[in-house]
Amino acid sequence: MSITYKMYTMCMVQDKDKVLLINRPDKMGFPGYIAPGGKVDFPESIVNGAIREVREETGLIVKDIVYKGLEEFCDPSKQLRYMVFNYLATSFEGQLLENPPEGELLWVNKEDALKLPMQDWFVRRFPLFFEDGTFELSYVWDENRDQTLDKTERQYRSKSSISL
């Protein structure tokens, strides 16, 4: 039995107290506000895929980029594993595109972002970009029954943040 692996990235771009979001129209899929990201091209590295996707979707070239975690969705009926590698970028160069390909770009205060229309999975993931350490979210999903069969949700704190 052959398993299909799909690898994607998402990169939250932060400038002080603001984050850059894309307002994706319905026709693009995953409508609402979302961070830049997309498919990892073979054979590029995952982090280079994240950097490329931010540049293609926003015009910005991210500099300080940190791995934040993995969110994956598995559908056993389709033999599919869909993996999203998440990053946070806190510095960048360049100017925003005048006509971005994925939707309108918006700098929004981090505290106000969750008031915008977003997919449920992005609402769940959003605060994890800004917490210490990394995260791992894994969901086994039965699309036919519209049901989560199993889930793993973990956060790994950096040793420097652990007080003894």
Protein backbone atom coordinates (compact mmCIF):
# COMPACT_ATOMS: atom_id res chain seq x y z
CA MET A 1 0.00 0.00 0.00
CA SER A 2 1.47 3.35 -1.06
CA ILE A 3 1.31 6.37 1.24
CA THR A 4 1.23 9.90 -0.17
CA TYR A 5 3.23 12.53 1.71
CA LYS A 6 2.50 16.20 1.12
CA MET A 7 4.90 18.73 2.66
CA TYR A 8 4.05 22.38 3.16
CA THR A 9 5.39 25.34 5.10
CA MET A 10 3.88 28.26 6.92
CA CYS A 11 5.90 31.27 8.05
CA MET A 12 4.55 33.90 10.43
CA VAL A 13 6.30 37.19 9.67
CA GLN A 14 6.48 39.45 12.73
CA ASP A 15 7.51 43.10 12.92
CA LYS A 16 7.48 44.19 16.59
CA ASP A 17 3.82 43.93 17.69
CA LYS A 18 2.44 43.28 14.18
CA VAL A 19 2.18 40.17 12.02
CA LEU A 20 1.72 39.89 8.27
CA LEU A 21 -1.35 37.96 7.16
CA ILE A 22 -2.88 37.16 3.78
CA ASN A 23 -6.62 37.51 3.28
CA ARG A 24 -7.23 34.54 0.99
CA PRO A 25 -10.35 34.70 -1.16
CA ASP A 26 -12.74 31.72 -1.27
CA LYS A 27 -11.57 30.74 -4.77
CA MET A 28 -8.01 30.11 -3.47
CA GLY A 29 -9.12 27.57 -0.83
CA PHE A 30 -8.65 28.03 2.93
CA PRO A 31 -10.43 31.41 2.84
CA GLY A 32 -9.82 34.00 5.53
CA TYR A 33 -6.64 35.31 7.07
CA ILE A 34 -3.59 33.07 7.09
CA ALA A 35 0.21 33.35 7.28
CA PRO A 36 2.27 32.95 4.10
CA GLY A 37 3.29 29.44 3.07
CA GLY A 38 2.87 26.66 0.59
CA LYS A 39 4.25 23.50 -0.95
CA VAL A 40 7.88 22.48 -0.47
CA ASP A 41 9.44 21.87 -3.89
CA PHE A 42 11.66 18.81 -4.33
CA PRO A 43 14.58 18.77 -3.56
CA GLU A 44 14.68 22.12 -1.69
CA SER A 45 15.06 22.07 2.09
CA ILE A 46 11.96 22.75 4.13
CA VAL A 47 13.28 26.05 5.54
CA ASN A 48 14.26 27.21 2.04
CA GLY A 49 10.71 26.35 0.93
CA ALA A 50 9.36 28.60 3.69
CA ILE A 51 11.69 31.45 2.69
CA ARG A 52 10.75 31.07 -0.99
CA GLU A 53 7.02 30.96 -0.27
CA VAL A 54 7.17 34.18 1.80
CA ARG A 55 9.08 35.91 -1.02
CA GLU A 56 6.65 34.68 -3.71
CA GLU A 57 3.51 35.56 -1.74
CA THR A 58 4.61 38.84 -0.12
CA GLY A 59 7.77 40.16 -1.79
CA LEU A 60 9.67 40.06 1.51
CA ILE A 61 12.95 38.21 2.07
CA VAL A 62 12.91 36.84 5.61
CA LYS A 63 16.16 36.86 7.61
CA ASP A 64 15.84 35.66 11.21
CA ILE A 65 13.73 32.53 10.82
CA VAL A 66 13.12 29.98 13.57
CA TYR A 67 11.46 26.57 13.36
CA LYS A 68 8.35 26.53 15.56
CA GLY A 69 6.75 23.16 14.97
CA LEU A 70 4.87 20.61 12.91
CA GLU A 71 1.17 20.20 12.32
CA GLU A 72 0.10 17.14 10.36
CA PHE A 73 -3.13 15.59 9.23
CA CYS A 74 -3.37 11.90 8.33
CA ASP A 75 -6.28 10.37 6.44
CA PRO A 76 -5.96 6.56 6.52
CA SER A 77 -8.76 6.08 3.97
CA LYS A 78 -6.70 8.04 1.42
CA GLN A 79 -3.30 6.85 2.67
CA LEU A 80 -2.40 10.55 2.98
CA ARG A 81 -0.05 12.35 5.38
CA TYR A 82 -0.21 16.15 5.01
CA MET A 83 2.62 17.87 6.93
CA VAL A 84 2.99 21.63 7.60
CA PHE A 85 6.34 22.84 8.94
CA ASN A 86 5.88 26.15 10.77
CA TYR A 87 8.35 29.02 11.16
CA LEU A 88 8.53 32.46 12.72
CA ALA A 89 10.51 35.21 10.98
CA THR A 90 11.34 38.35 12.97
CA SER A 91 13.35 40.31 10.42
CA PHE A 92 13.09 40.82 6.68
CA GLU A 93 14.10 42.96 3.70
CA GLY A 94 12.13 44.24 0.74
CA GLN A 95 8.75 45.76 0.02
CA LEU A 96 5.32 44.17 -0.04
CA LEU A 97 4.02 43.20 -3.47
CA GLU A 98 1.48 45.57 -4.98
CA ASN A 99 -0.50 42.69 -6.49
CA PRO A 100 0.12 39.65 -4.28
CA PRO A 101 -0.87 36.32 -5.90
CA GLU A 102 -2.57 34.71 -2.87
CA GLY A 103 -4.72 37.59 -1.58
CA GLU A 104 -4.57 40.98 0.12
CA LEU A 105 -1.62 41.49 2.52
CA LEU A 106 -2.31 43.08 5.89
CA TRP A 107 -0.09 44.05 8.82
CA VAL A 108 -2.22 43.52 11.93
CA ASN A 109 -1.55 43.89 15.64
CA LYS A 110 -0.82 40.44 17.04
CA GLU A 111 -3.43 40.97 19.78
CA ASP A 112 -6.14 41.78 17.21
CA ALA A 113 -5.35 39.02 14.71
CA LEU A 114 -7.68 36.39 16.16
CA LYS A 115 -10.64 38.77 15.70
CA LEU A 116 -10.26 38.33 11.92
CA PRO A 117 -12.03 35.53 10.01
CA MET A 118 -9.73 32.48 9.96
CA GLN A 119 -9.84 28.73 9.53
CA ASP A 120 -10.24 26.88 12.86
CA TRP A 121 -6.90 25.10 12.42
CA PHE A 122 -5.11 28.44 11.97
CA VAL A 123 -6.80 29.90 15.07
CA ARG A 124 -5.53 26.87 17.05
CA ARG A 125 -1.99 27.18 15.65
CA PHE A 126 -1.66 31.00 15.78
CA PRO A 127 -0.56 31.46 19.43
CA LEU A 128 1.99 28.63 19.15
CA PHE A 129 4.16 30.73 16.82
CA PHE A 130 4.90 33.11 19.71
CA GLU A 131 5.35 30.67 22.60
CA ASP A 132 8.72 29.42 23.77
CA GLY A 133 9.96 26.18 22.23
CA THR A 134 8.31 24.08 19.54
CA PHE A 135 5.03 22.25 19.02
CA GLU A 136 3.81 19.03 17.46
CA LEU A 137 0.17 18.64 16.44
CA SER A 138 -0.91 15.45 14.73
CA TYR A 139 -4.46 14.50 13.77
CA VAL A 140 -5.78 11.27 12.28
CA TRP A 141 -8.89 12.24 10.38
CA ASP A 142 -11.69 10.24 8.81
CA GLU A 143 -13.04 12.53 6.11
CA ASN A 144 -15.96 10.22 5.27
CA ARG A 145 -17.27 10.36 8.84
CA ASP A 146 -16.01 13.94 9.45
CA GLN A 147 -14.36 12.70 12.64
CA THR A 148 -11.00 12.92 14.39
CA LEU A 149 -9.88 9.37 15.18
CA ASP A 150 -6.72 10.23 17.12
CA LYS A 151 -4.69 13.28 18.03
CA THR A 152 -1.34 14.20 19.55
CA GLU A 153 -0.80 17.75 20.80
CA ARG A 154 2.56 18.50 22.42
CA GLN A 155 4.67 21.51 23.22
CA TYR A 156 8.39 21.27 23.86
CA ARG A 157 9.85 24.09 25.92
CA SER A 158 13.46 25.15 25.54
CA LYS A 159 15.71 24.26 28.49
CA SER A 160 16.53 27.93 29.07
CA SER A 161 12.86 28.58 29.93
CA ILE A 162 12.63 25.81 32.53
CA SER A 163 13.11 27.01 36.08
CA LEU A 164 14.47 24.55 38.62
